[in-house]
Amino acid sequence: MKPHHAINIRRAASTALMMVVLSASSVLPARAQAQNGQSPDVQQLQQKLEQMEKQMQEQRDQTEKQIQGLKQQISAMEHAQAPSIDLTPDMTIGGEPSHAVTEQTAERVTPAEKTTTVAHGTALDLYGFVMLDSGYDFATNNPDWFDTVRPTKLNAFPGEFAPDGKFWFGVRQTRFGVKTSTPTPLGDLKTHFEWELFGTGVDAGQTTLRLRHAYGELGAFGAGQTWSPFMDIDVFPNSLEYWGPSGMVFYRNVQVRWMPLRGERTKVTIAAERPGATADQGQYSDFIELQDVKPKFNVPDISGNIRFIRKWGYVQMAGIFRKISWVQTQPSQFNLSGTAYGWGVNLTSNVQLGKKDVGKFEVVYGDGISNYMNDATVDIGIQKNPGNPAAPIKGVALPVLGVVSFLDHNWSPRFQSSIGYSMVNIQNSNGDLPAAYHQGHYALANILFHPVKAVTVGSEFQFGRRLNFSDGFNTNDYRIQFSFKYDWSKAFGGAY
């Protein structure tokens, strides 16, 4: 090959190589440019996705915060609407146990009430306790009331129930009860039956069955025998002694009641109750014409209460109005028929004094309400009426003042104590006997031990004092009581 041909071939190869390089160089930037043109869109989508995920997380966090806030508000409202008084274990021994039905009690949930959450069923609660009381009385009282501190049953004159000093035992506080609760379209249908072994009236001093509650209610209406709305069972102290404070309103009565307001913070009850009263003929007990005077009750007693419940406890205001009449059934030169109107106002409260203390207070005043009191005498007394020869005497409603102040203290879940004082004062009429009951004082202090929640063992010091009307006589009673109490309860729930 000639040299110039070789040179031409090399030039042609170089030219072709240059064209390939130039072509490649023009194609690569184009591809790179195309690829770089898609990158901003992908980045924008990724940024939007990240923003949306961040917004969703923030919304989830905000929703969770709102849910927690609502839960805290609900918890705070529930805490504010109900008293936070903790009475666990059962701290009302001598009175109404926490597992027994009491419409007055604000926030005590019983086993049967818990089982009423069954959607379409009836709840049945059987409950009760066995209790042994024993003690030593350093003084004396009416032997029919050997196991109680009742100032009205102390000596009215020296040596009436002599001798002083005696040991005693009894099981009369032992109790049995049945409750039912059934949901209905008109509200819960509830019934309550309860008995104990503490004889009173003609059975005073006996260990025998005694009806306490026979009561039923449907929705806002109830009927039967249960606590009078004029009283407040929650004032009863954590005592071993059965009868309780002398200055307390304490009365189970046959009644028809209406509960128009049953909220968590406010409750209202109104009732028409079985009427009844007692009278004392005083200095005129041998007045023959009085033997023909008979009581007449043609109007029921009207009672009611309103309770305001707060986180520190509650306050309740109650009232009663009653008509008490008596009729002379045989002709006489004297007109001894008459009517007196009784009335009363009762202010009660439970106050939480710190985490371990509950104060229980009551002040009651009225005329002719002694039979509603826990330990008083008569509603009607004899008043001299010298300015009227046709009616030389007349019946009057006796004014009564009662005071209760107790402190229940929780030393620990196993140890509790109660200490307090109560007084009742009757303003006697001028026709009363000099030895008539005028004033009673009641006090106690105890220590209670719960080896388990359903068992109570305790010791209690008790004091009672009686003052007569006008003869200057008074007497004191001192006691030590030891008790053993064994609770039991069994709840059943079933469907229709």
Protein backbone atom coordinates (compact mmCIF):
# COMPACT_ATOMS: atom_id res chain seq x y z
CA MET A 1 0.00 0.00 0.00
CA LYS A 2 1.15 3.41 -0.88
CA PRO A 3 2.04 5.73 1.93
CA HIS A 4 -0.50 8.40 1.00
CA HIS A 5 -3.26 5.77 0.97
CA ALA A 6 -2.34 4.72 4.49
CA ILE A 7 -2.42 8.30 5.57
CA ASN A 8 -5.89 8.76 4.09
CA ILE A 9 -7.13 5.63 5.81
CA ARG A 10 -5.83 6.87 9.15
CA ARG A 11 -7.45 10.27 8.57
CA ALA A 12 -10.76 8.63 7.73
CA ALA A 13 -10.59 6.44 10.86
CA SER A 14 -9.76 9.45 12.97
CA THR A 15 -12.65 11.38 11.48
CA ALA A 16 -15.05 8.49 12.17
CA LEU A 17 -13.80 8.17 15.73
CA MET A 18 -14.28 11.89 16.25
CA MET A 19 -17.83 11.69 14.97
CA VAL A 20 -18.62 8.77 17.29
CA VAL A 21 -17.19 10.65 20.25
CA LEU A 22 -19.11 13.80 19.36
CA SER A 23 -22.31 11.79 18.87
CA ALA A 24 -21.88 10.06 22.22
CA SER A 25 -21.09 13.32 23.91
CA SER A 26 -24.28 14.83 22.52
CA VAL A 27 -26.42 11.85 23.55
CA LEU A 28 -25.13 11.53 27.16
CA PRO A 29 -25.99 15.10 28.15
CA ALA A 30 -29.43 14.65 26.65
CA ARG A 31 -30.02 11.53 28.70
CA ALA A 32 -28.60 13.13 31.79
CA GLN A 33 -30.78 16.17 31.21
CA ALA A 34 -33.87 13.93 30.84
CA GLN A 35 -33.00 12.15 34.06
CA ASN A 36 -32.32 15.43 35.86
CA GLY A 37 -35.66 16.77 34.58
CA GLN A 38 -37.61 14.00 36.50
CA SER A 39 -35.78 14.42 39.85
CA PRO A 40 -37.59 17.61 41.07
CA ASP A 41 -41.05 15.94 40.72
CA VAL A 42 -40.01 12.90 42.75
CA GLN A 43 -38.52 15.07 45.45
CA GLN A 44 -41.69 17.13 45.64
CA LEU A 45 -43.83 14.02 46.01
CA GLN A 46 -41.53 12.67 48.70
CA GLN A 47 -41.71 15.99 50.55
CA LYS A 48 -45.51 16.02 50.35
CA LEU A 49 -45.65 12.44 51.64
CA GLU A 50 -43.39 13.32 54.57
CA GLN A 51 -45.51 16.41 55.34
CA MET A 52 -48.73 14.37 55.29
CA GLU A 53 -47.22 11.72 57.56
CA LYS A 54 -46.05 14.43 59.95
CA GLN A 55 -49.50 16.08 59.95
CA MET A 56 -51.20 12.73 60.60
CA GLN A 57 -48.86 12.03 63.52
CA GLU A 58 -49.52 15.49 64.95
CA GLN A 59 -53.28 14.90 64.61
CA ARG A 60 -52.94 11.52 66.33
CA ASP A 61 -50.96 13.13 69.16
CA GLN A 62 -53.51 15.91 69.49
CA THR A 63 -56.42 13.43 69.50
CA GLU A 64 -54.70 11.35 72.18
CA LYS A 65 -54.17 14.47 74.28
CA GLN A 66 -57.85 15.38 73.88
CA ILE A 67 -58.92 11.87 74.90
CA GLN A 68 -56.70 11.97 77.99
CA GLY A 69 -58.03 15.44 78.84
CA LEU A 70 -61.63 14.24 78.58
CA LYS A 71 -60.83 11.25 80.78
CA GLN A 72 -59.30 13.54 83.38
CA GLN A 73 -62.34 15.87 83.25
CA ILE A 74 -64.73 12.93 83.68
CA SER A 75 -62.70 11.61 86.59
CA ALA A 76 -62.60 15.06 88.20
CA MET A 77 -66.35 15.52 87.74
CA GLU A 78 -67.10 12.11 89.24
CA HIS A 79 -64.83 12.91 92.16
CA ALA A 80 -66.54 16.27 92.65
CA GLN A 81 -70.04 14.85 92.42
CA ALA A 82 -69.67 12.20 95.12
CA PRO A 83 -68.34 12.45 98.67
CA SER A 84 -64.93 10.85 99.02
CA ILE A 85 -65.63 9.58 102.52
CA ASP A 86 -64.15 6.09 102.79
CA LEU A 87 -65.98 3.88 105.25
CA THR A 88 -64.21 0.62 104.37
CA PRO A 89 -64.42 -1.72 106.15
CA ASP A 90 -67.98 -1.32 107.39
CA MET A 91 -67.73 1.34 110.10
CA THR A 92 -71.36 1.47 111.15
CA ILE A 93 -71.77 -1.41 113.54
CA GLY A 94 -74.49 -0.48 115.97
CA GLY A 95 -76.69 1.12 113.32
CA GLU A 96 -77.17 0.35 109.62
CA PRO A 97 -74.37 -1.69 107.96
CA SER A 98 -73.07 -0.50 104.60
CA HIS A 99 -74.48 -3.57 102.84
CA ALA A 100 -78.07 -2.83 103.92
CA VAL A 101 -80.38 -0.73 101.78
CA THR A 102 -80.67 2.88 102.88
CA GLU A 103 -81.91 5.45 100.43
CA GLN A 104 -80.32 8.15 102.58
CA THR A 105 -76.79 6.85 102.07
CA ALA A 106 -75.09 8.83 99.34
CA GLU A 107 -72.34 6.67 97.86
CA ARG A 108 -72.33 3.18 99.38
CA VAL A 109 -72.56 0.54 96.64
CA THR A 110 -73.79 -2.83 97.85
CA PRO A 111 -73.07 -6.22 96.26
CA ALA A 112 -76.64 -6.44 94.98
CA GLU A 113 -76.43 -2.98 93.46
CA LYS A 114 -73.31 -4.05 91.61
CA THR A 115 -75.03 -7.09 90.15
CA THR A 116 -77.90 -4.99 88.81
CA THR A 117 -75.65 -4.19 85.86
CA VAL A 118 -77.03 -7.44 84.38
CA ALA A 119 -78.85 -6.12 81.32
CA HIS A 120 -82.13 -7.99 81.72
CA GLY A 121 -82.09 -9.71 85.09
CA THR A 122 -82.97 -9.64 88.76
CA ALA A 123 -80.30 -9.24 91.41
CA LEU A 124 -80.70 -10.91 94.80
CA ASP A 125 -78.57 -10.08 97.81
CA LEU A 126 -78.64 -12.10 101.02
CA TYR A 127 -76.72 -10.52 103.87
CA GLY A 128 -76.45 -10.24 107.60
CA PHE A 129 -74.15 -10.71 110.54
CA VAL A 130 -73.79 -12.63 113.78
CA MET A 131 -72.85 -10.46 116.74
CA LEU A 132 -72.02 -11.20 120.35
CA ASP A 133 -72.18 -8.31 122.81
CA SER A 134 -70.83 -8.53 126.34
CA GLY A 135 -69.80 -6.07 128.98
CA TYR A 136 -69.79 -4.82 132.52
CA ASP A 137 -72.17 -2.13 133.83
CA PHE A 138 -70.64 -0.31 136.80
CA ALA A 139 -74.03 1.22 137.69
CA THR A 140 -77.49 -0.06 136.70
CA ASN A 141 -80.49 0.51 134.46
CA ASN A 142 -83.86 -1.04 133.58
CA PRO A 143 -83.10 -4.78 133.17
CA ASP A 144 -85.19 -4.91 129.97
CA TRP A 145 -82.50 -2.68 128.43
CA PHE A 146 -79.46 -4.37 129.98
CA ASP A 147 -77.36 -4.18 126.78
CA THR A 148 -78.02 -0.53 125.85
CA VAL A 149 -77.13 2.95 127.05
CA ARG A 150 -80.47 4.78 127.22
CA PRO A 151 -80.65 7.69 129.67
CA THR A 152 -84.46 7.34 129.71
CA LYS A 153 -84.00 3.83 131.18
CA LEU A 154 -81.72 4.88 134.04
CA ASN A 155 -82.93 5.30 137.63
CA ALA A 156 -85.63 7.95 138.06
CA PHE A 157 -85.06 7.83 141.84
CA PRO A 158 -82.38 6.32 144.10
CA GLY A 159 -82.26 2.53 144.06
CA GLU A 160 -84.99 2.05 141.40
CA PHE A 161 -83.00 -0.66 139.60
CA ALA A 162 -80.54 -1.59 142.34
CA PRO A 163 -78.06 -3.13 142.88
CA ASP A 164 -75.23 -1.61 140.85
CA GLY A 165 -72.73 -3.68 138.91
CA LYS A 166 -73.41 -6.59 136.56
CA PHE A 167 -71.83 -8.56 133.74
CA TRP A 168 -74.03 -9.24 130.72
CA PHE A 169 -74.01 -11.14 127.40
CA GLY A 170 -76.33 -11.05 124.40
CA VAL A 171 -76.68 -11.79 120.68
CA ARG A 172 -79.65 -9.49 120.04
CA GLN A 173 -77.90 -7.40 117.36
CA THR A 174 -77.67 -10.44 115.06
CA ARG A 175 -79.33 -9.58 111.75
CA PHE A 176 -80.58 -11.09 108.49
CA GLY A 177 -81.68 -9.30 105.33
CA VAL A 178 -82.78 -9.84 101.74
CA LYS A 179 -82.69 -7.32 98.91
CA THR A 180 -83.73 -7.55 95.28
CA SER A 181 -83.29 -5.21 92.35
CA THR A 182 -84.91 -5.65 88.94
CA PRO A 183 -84.53 -3.27 85.96
CA THR A 184 -87.90 -2.25 84.42
CA PRO A 185 -89.00 0.33 81.84
CA LEU A 186 -90.23 2.48 84.77
CA GLY A 187 -86.97 2.29 86.67
CA ASP A 188 -85.42 -0.19 89.07
CA LEU A 189 -87.83 -2.27 91.12
CA LYS A 190 -86.28 -2.75 94.57
CA THR A 191 -87.43 -4.62 97.65
CA HIS A 192 -85.89 -4.81 101.09
CA PHE A 193 -86.70 -7.17 103.98
CA GLU A 194 -84.67 -7.15 107.18
CA TRP A 195 -84.99 -8.66 110.65
CA GLU A 196 -82.95 -8.72 113.83
CA LEU A 197 -83.20 -10.38 117.25
CA PHE A 198 -83.59 -7.25 119.40
CA GLY A 199 -86.95 -7.30 121.14
CA THR A 200 -88.71 -4.03 122.00
CA GLY A 201 -92.20 -2.99 123.12
CA VAL A 202 -93.98 -5.99 124.63
CA ASP A 203 -90.85 -8.03 123.78
CA ALA A 204 -88.45 -5.66 125.56
CA GLY A 205 -85.50 -7.53 126.95
CA GLN A 206 -86.16 -10.62 124.82
CA THR A 207 -84.05 -12.21 122.09
CA THR A 208 -86.70 -12.55 119.40
CA LEU A 209 -87.38 -11.72 115.75
CA ARG A 210 -88.08 -8.05 115.11
CA LEU A 211 -88.93 -6.52 111.73
CA ARG A 212 -86.69 -3.65 110.71
CA HIS A 213 -87.42 -3.05 107.01
CA ALA A 214 -90.27 -4.18 104.76
CA TYR A 215 -89.98 -1.75 101.88
CA GLY A 216 -90.28 -1.62 98.10
CA GLU A 217 -89.85 1.04 95.45
CA LEU A 218 -90.28 1.42 91.72
CA GLY A 219 -88.47 4.32 90.14
CA ALA A 220 -89.15 7.45 92.17
CA PHE A 221 -91.93 5.97 94.35
CA GLY A 222 -91.64 3.73 97.39
CA ALA A 223 -93.88 2.25 100.08
CA GLY A 224 -93.47 0.18 103.22
CA GLN A 225 -91.52 0.40 106.45
CA THR A 226 -88.09 2.00 106.32
CA TRP A 227 -86.20 5.05 107.58
CA SER A 228 -88.26 8.21 107.98
CA PRO A 229 -87.09 11.00 105.65
CA PHE A 230 -86.92 13.16 108.80
CA MET A 231 -83.91 11.15 110.00
CA ASP A 232 -80.40 10.60 108.65
CA ILE A 233 -78.94 7.13 109.30
CA ASP A 234 -75.50 8.27 108.14
CA VAL A 235 -75.08 10.28 111.37
CA PHE A 236 -75.01 7.05 113.39
CA PRO A 237 -71.46 6.66 114.76
CA ASN A 238 -69.13 3.72 114.36
CA SER A 239 -70.22 2.24 117.69
CA LEU A 240 -70.58 -1.16 119.31
CA GLU A 241 -73.47 -0.04 121.53
CA TYR A 242 -76.78 -0.85 119.85
CA TRP A 243 -79.17 1.98 120.68
CA GLY A 244 -77.02 4.95 119.71
CA PRO A 245 -76.95 8.70 120.45
CA SER A 246 -79.87 9.94 122.54
CA GLY A 247 -80.11 13.26 120.67
CA MET A 248 -80.41 11.69 117.22
CA VAL A 249 -83.60 11.42 115.16
CA PHE A 250 -83.95 7.68 114.63
CA TYR A 251 -87.24 6.17 113.46
CA ARG A 252 -88.32 3.48 111.02
CA ASN A 253 -91.91 4.17 110.02
CA VAL A 254 -94.56 2.88 107.62
CA GLN A 255 -94.82 5.38 104.78
CA VAL A 256 -95.42 6.24 101.15
CA ARG A 257 -92.61 8.29 99.68
CA TRP A 258 -91.76 10.18 96.50
CA MET A 259 -88.21 10.92 95.41
CA PRO A 260 -88.54 13.55 92.68
CA LEU A 261 -84.82 14.27 92.57
CA ARG A 262 -82.20 11.54 92.86
CA GLY A 263 -79.12 13.10 91.27
CA GLU A 264 -75.50 12.52 92.15
CA ARG A 265 -75.23 15.90 93.85
CA THR A 266 -78.77 16.60 95.05
CA LYS A 267 -81.46 14.28 96.43
CA VAL A 268 -85.02 15.10 97.53
CA THR A 269 -87.49 12.85 99.37
CA ILE A 270 -91.07 13.57 100.50
CA ALA A 271 -93.26 11.15 102.48
CA ALA A 272 -96.61 10.66 104.13
CA GLU A 273 -95.97 8.62 107.29
CA ARG A 274 -98.07 6.64 109.71
CA PRO A 275 -99.12 9.05 112.51
CA GLY A 276 -98.76 8.29 116.19
CA ALA A 277 -97.74 9.93 119.43
CA THR A 278 -97.41 9.37 123.17
CA ALA A 279 -98.66 11.45 126.08
CA ASP A 280 -97.96 11.75 129.81
CA GLN A 281 -100.73 12.62 132.24
CA GLY A 282 -98.14 13.77 134.73
CA GLN A 283 -99.56 15.07 138.00
CA TYR A 284 -103.08 14.29 136.77
CA SER A 285 -102.69 10.56 136.15
CA ASP A 286 -105.45 9.88 138.72
CA PHE A 287 -107.81 12.36 137.04
CA ILE A 288 -110.75 10.06 136.24
CA GLU A 289 -111.96 12.07 133.27
CA LEU A 290 -108.60 11.53 131.54
CA GLN A 291 -109.36 7.81 131.33
CA ASP A 292 -112.01 8.61 128.71
CA VAL A 293 -109.67 10.68 126.53
CA LYS A 294 -108.51 8.79 123.45
CA PRO A 295 -105.99 9.75 120.76
CA LYS A 296 -107.15 10.63 117.25
CA PHE A 297 -104.91 10.72 114.18
CA ASN A 298 -106.81 11.75 111.06
CA VAL A 299 -103.86 13.24 109.13
CA PRO A 300 -100.59 11.49 108.24
CA ASP A 301 -97.27 12.92 109.33
CA ILE A 302 -95.67 14.79 106.42
CA SER A 303 -91.89 14.68 106.25
CA GLY A 304 -89.16 15.37 103.73
CA ASN A 305 -85.51 16.12 103.21
CA ILE A 306 -83.05 17.56 100.72
CA ARG A 307 -79.42 16.46 100.60
CA PHE A 308 -76.53 18.31 98.93
CA ILE A 309 -73.59 16.03 98.15
CA ARG A 310 -70.10 17.39 97.58
CA LYS A 311 -66.58 15.97 97.51
CA TRP A 312 -66.03 16.96 101.18
CA GLY A 313 -69.18 15.12 102.31
CA TYR A 314 -72.80 16.27 102.42
CA VAL A 315 -75.33 18.38 104.29
CA GLN A 316 -78.99 17.42 104.70
CA MET A 317 -81.96 19.50 105.80
CA ALA A 318 -85.11 17.69 106.89
CA GLY A 319 -88.48 18.76 108.23
CA ILE A 320 -91.71 17.29 109.56
CA PHE A 321 -95.25 18.46 110.30
CA ARG A 322 -97.83 16.49 112.27
CA LYS A 323 -101.28 16.84 113.77
CA ILE A 324 -101.91 15.21 117.17
CA SER A 325 -105.49 15.18 118.47
CA TRP A 326 -107.29 13.66 121.45
CA VAL A 327 -111.02 13.31 122.01
CA GLN A 328 -113.08 13.00 125.20
CA THR A 329 -115.31 10.03 124.48
CA GLN A 330 -117.69 10.35 127.47
CA PRO A 331 -119.74 13.35 128.69
CA SER A 332 -118.06 15.34 131.47
CA GLN A 333 -118.17 18.69 133.20
CA PHE A 334 -114.74 19.37 131.69
CA ASN A 335 -113.77 19.83 128.07
CA LEU A 336 -110.57 17.83 127.71
CA SER A 337 -110.51 17.36 123.94
CA GLY A 338 -107.79 19.14 122.00
CA THR A 339 -105.28 19.27 119.19
CA ALA A 340 -101.59 20.09 119.07
CA TYR A 341 -99.45 20.60 116.00
CA GLY A 342 -96.00 19.13 115.97
CA TRP A 343 -93.14 20.25 113.79
CA GLY A 344 -89.40 19.78 113.56
CA VAL A 345 -86.28 20.83 111.67
CA ASN A 346 -83.28 18.51 111.45
CA LEU A 347 -79.86 19.58 110.09
CA THR A 348 -77.29 16.80 109.59
CA SER A 349 -73.92 16.37 107.92
CA ASN A 350 -70.95 14.10 107.32
CA VAL A 351 -67.70 15.99 106.75
CA GLN A 352 -64.42 14.47 105.65
CA LEU A 353 -61.75 15.91 107.96
CA GLY A 354 -58.61 14.78 106.18
CA LYS A 355 -58.04 11.33 104.69
CA LYS A 356 -58.67 9.37 107.88
CA ASP A 357 -61.42 11.21 109.73
CA VAL A 358 -65.15 11.65 109.23
CA GLY A 359 -67.13 14.08 111.38
CA LYS A 360 -70.82 13.31 111.96
CA PHE A 361 -73.05 16.13 113.16
CA GLU A 362 -76.72 16.77 113.87
CA VAL A 363 -78.87 19.49 115.40
CA VAL A 364 -82.62 18.95 115.66
CA TYR A 365 -85.34 21.08 117.24
CA GLY A 366 -89.12 20.92 117.25
CA ASP A 367 -92.37 20.51 119.16
CA GLY A 368 -94.11 17.18 119.68
CA ILE A 369 -91.50 15.03 117.88
CA SER A 370 -90.20 12.91 120.78
CA ASN A 371 -91.33 9.60 119.25
CA TYR A 372 -89.04 10.36 116.26
CA MET A 373 -86.09 10.83 118.61
CA ASN A 374 -83.76 7.95 119.43
CA ASP A 375 -84.17 8.29 123.20
CA ALA A 376 -86.82 10.73 124.41
CA THR A 377 -90.11 10.30 126.24
CA VAL A 378 -93.50 11.76 125.27
CA ASP A 379 -94.82 14.11 122.60
CA ILE A 380 -97.70 15.62 124.61
CA GLY A 381 -97.53 16.84 128.19
CA ILE A 382 -100.10 18.27 130.62
CA GLN A 383 -100.20 22.03 131.01
CA LYS A 384 -102.10 23.67 133.86
CA ASN A 385 -104.81 26.04 132.65
CA PRO A 386 -106.21 27.74 135.78
CA GLY A 387 -107.87 30.57 133.88
CA ASN A 388 -110.42 28.23 132.28
CA PRO A 389 -112.64 26.27 134.75
CA ALA A 390 -114.21 24.30 131.89
CA ALA A 391 -110.76 23.08 130.83
CA PRO A 392 -108.46 23.27 133.87
CA ILE A 393 -105.74 21.34 132.04
CA LYS A 394 -104.74 21.00 128.42
CA GLY A 395 -102.32 19.01 126.34
CA VAL A 396 -99.31 20.75 124.79
CA ALA A 397 -96.61 19.60 122.39
CA LEU A 398 -93.31 19.45 124.29
CA PRO A 399 -90.31 21.21 122.69
CA VAL A 400 -87.25 18.98 122.09
CA LEU A 401 -83.62 19.82 121.29
CA GLY A 402 -81.15 17.17 120.13
CA VAL A 403 -77.41 17.41 119.41
CA VAL A 404 -74.98 14.83 117.96
CA SER A 405 -71.22 15.23 117.41
CA PHE A 406 -68.97 12.25 116.62
CA LEU A 407 -65.62 11.61 115.00
CA ASP A 408 -64.88 8.32 113.20
CA HIS A 409 -61.14 7.78 112.71
CA ASN A 410 -59.26 5.24 110.57
CA TRP A 411 -55.95 4.39 112.22
CA SER A 412 -55.27 1.89 109.43
CA PRO A 413 -57.26 -0.51 107.23
CA ARG A 414 -57.51 -2.84 110.24
CA PHE A 415 -58.05 -0.40 113.11
CA GLN A 416 -60.79 2.21 113.56
CA SER A 417 -62.10 4.29 116.43
CA SER A 418 -65.08 6.49 117.22
CA ILE A 419 -65.47 9.12 119.90
CA GLY A 420 -68.29 11.57 120.51
CA TYR A 421 -71.15 13.00 122.51
CA SER A 422 -74.91 13.47 122.20
CA MET A 423 -77.56 15.26 124.24
CA VAL A 424 -81.34 15.55 124.26
CA ASN A 425 -83.28 18.17 126.20
CA ILE A 426 -87.05 18.21 126.72
CA GLN A 427 -88.79 21.40 127.83
CA ASN A 428 -91.23 19.91 130.32
CA SER A 429 -94.69 21.34 130.95
CA ASN A 430 -95.72 22.58 134.40
CA GLY A 431 -98.05 19.61 134.82
CA ASP A 432 -95.23 17.04 134.60
CA LEU A 433 -94.14 15.05 137.62
CA PRO A 434 -90.98 16.30 139.37
CA ALA A 435 -89.26 12.99 138.46
CA ALA A 436 -90.18 13.26 134.77
CA TYR A 437 -87.33 12.83 132.30
CA HIS A 438 -85.81 16.16 131.36
CA GLN A 439 -82.35 15.73 129.87
CA GLY A 440 -80.11 12.88 128.70
CA HIS A 441 -76.40 12.72 127.90
CA TYR A 442 -74.61 10.01 125.92
CA ALA A 443 -70.90 9.52 125.12
CA LEU A 444 -68.55 6.77 124.00
CA ALA A 445 -65.01 5.99 122.81
CA ASN A 446 -63.84 2.74 121.26
CA ILE A 447 -61.16 0.82 119.41
CA LEU A 448 -62.15 -1.67 116.69
CA PHE A 449 -59.96 -4.30 115.03
CA HIS A 450 -60.65 -6.10 111.72
CA PRO A 451 -58.50 -9.24 111.39
CA VAL A 452 -60.26 -9.59 108.02
CA LYS A 453 -62.74 -7.22 106.42
CA ALA A 454 -65.83 -9.21 107.44
CA VAL A 455 -64.86 -9.60 111.10
CA THR A 456 -64.86 -6.95 113.83
CA VAL A 457 -63.53 -7.29 117.35
CA GLY A 458 -63.78 -4.26 119.61
CA SER A 459 -63.92 -2.68 123.02
CA GLU A 460 -65.88 0.45 123.98
CA PHE A 461 -66.26 2.73 126.98
CA GLN A 462 -69.79 4.17 127.35
CA PHE A 463 -71.36 6.89 129.48
CA GLY A 464 -74.99 7.83 130.10
CA ARG A 465 -76.56 10.50 132.32
CA ARG A 466 -80.16 11.28 133.27
CA LEU A 467 -81.52 14.51 134.77
CA ASN A 468 -85.04 14.79 136.17
CA PHE A 469 -87.43 17.67 135.64
CA SER A 470 -87.65 19.44 139.00
CA ASP A 471 -86.77 17.18 141.93
CA GLY A 472 -83.02 17.69 141.58
CA PHE A 473 -82.22 14.01 141.04
CA ASN A 474 -79.69 12.85 138.44
CA THR A 475 -77.78 9.64 137.86
CA ASN A 476 -74.80 8.43 135.79
CA ASP A 477 -74.04 5.10 134.14
CA TYR A 478 -70.57 3.79 133.14
CA ARG A 479 -69.98 0.71 131.01
CA ILE A 480 -67.32 -1.27 129.15
CA GLN A 481 -68.51 -3.36 126.20
CA PHE A 482 -66.72 -6.11 124.25
CA SER A 483 -68.19 -7.31 120.95
CA PHE A 484 -67.49 -9.80 118.16
CA LYS A 485 -69.18 -9.30 114.79
CA TYR A 486 -69.09 -11.62 111.75
CA ASP A 487 -70.52 -10.26 108.49
CA TRP A 488 -71.64 -12.28 105.50
CA SER A 489 -73.15 -11.45 102.13
CA LYS A 490 -74.02 -13.41 98.99
CA ALA A 491 -75.25 -11.84 95.76
CA PHE A 492 -77.00 -13.60 92.91
CA GLY A 493 -77.88 -12.24 89.47
CA GLY A 494 -80.14 -13.90 86.90
CA ALA A 495 -81.98 -13.33 83.64
CA TYR A 496 -85.73 -13.41 83.10
